[in-house]
Amino acid sequence: MKSVELVDVTLVESGDTFGSGVWFQTCILLDAPGYRVAVGFGASSLIALN
């Protein structure tokens, strides 16, 4: 039987495409054993992750 590895999906922010300052831009964080990937990493995503 194969083992099943789970992937955690974290929606960091999903608000502002244009960077108006009210919402951060889209960022989705995927965590799997041995991997961490950011998808849809907008310009303000680092601020949101902090």
Protein backbone atom coordinates (compact mmCIF):
# COMPACT_ATOMS: atom_id res chain seq x y z
CA MET A 1 0.00 0.00 0.00
CA LYS A 2 1.32 3.48 -0.88
CA SER A 3 1.60 6.13 1.80
CA VAL A 4 -0.40 9.31 1.37
CA GLU A 5 1.28 12.66 1.88
CA LEU A 6 -0.90 15.62 2.73
CA VAL A 7 -0.54 19.10 1.28
CA ASP A 8 -1.54 22.09 3.40
CA VAL A 9 -3.00 24.99 1.42
CA THR A 10 -2.95 28.43 3.04
CA LEU A 11 -4.71 31.39 1.47
CA VAL A 12 -2.54 34.30 2.60
CA GLU A 13 -4.57 37.00 0.86
CA SER A 14 -6.90 37.24 -2.10
CA GLY A 15 -8.05 40.80 -2.36
CA ASP A 16 -6.47 43.40 -4.60
CA THR A 17 -5.14 42.99 -8.12
CA PHE A 18 -4.20 46.63 -8.51
CA GLY A 19 -2.35 47.27 -5.22
CA SER A 20 -4.61 50.08 -3.99
CA GLY A 21 -3.28 49.67 -0.44
CA VAL A 22 -6.50 48.36 1.11
CA TRP A 23 -5.88 44.65 0.45
CA PHE A 24 -2.76 42.64 -0.22
CA GLN A 25 -2.36 40.91 -3.58
CA THR A 26 -3.14 37.23 -4.05
CA CYS A 27 -0.82 34.68 -2.48
CA ILE A 28 -1.44 30.97 -1.88
CA LEU A 29 1.09 28.96 0.15
CA LEU A 30 1.39 25.20 -0.46
CA ASP A 31 3.15 23.10 2.20
CA ALA A 32 4.08 19.47 1.55
CA PRO A 33 6.71 17.32 3.25
CA GLY A 34 10.03 18.77 2.08
CA TYR A 35 8.47 21.54 -0.02
CA ARG A 36 7.00 25.02 0.46
CA VAL A 37 5.71 26.81 -2.64
CA ALA A 38 4.06 30.21 -3.04
CA VAL A 39 1.58 30.47 -5.93
CA GLY A 40 0.22 33.70 -7.36
CA PHE A 41 2.88 35.71 -5.55
CA GLY A 42 1.96 39.41 -5.93
CA ALA A 43 4.14 42.41 -5.10
CA SER A 44 2.65 42.85 -1.60
CA SER A 45 2.73 39.14 -0.71
CA LEU A 46 5.91 39.42 1.38
CA ILE A 47 4.22 42.00 3.59
CA ALA A 48 1.18 39.72 4.01
CA LEU A 49 3.37 36.71 4.88
CA ASN A 50 5.20 38.74 7.54
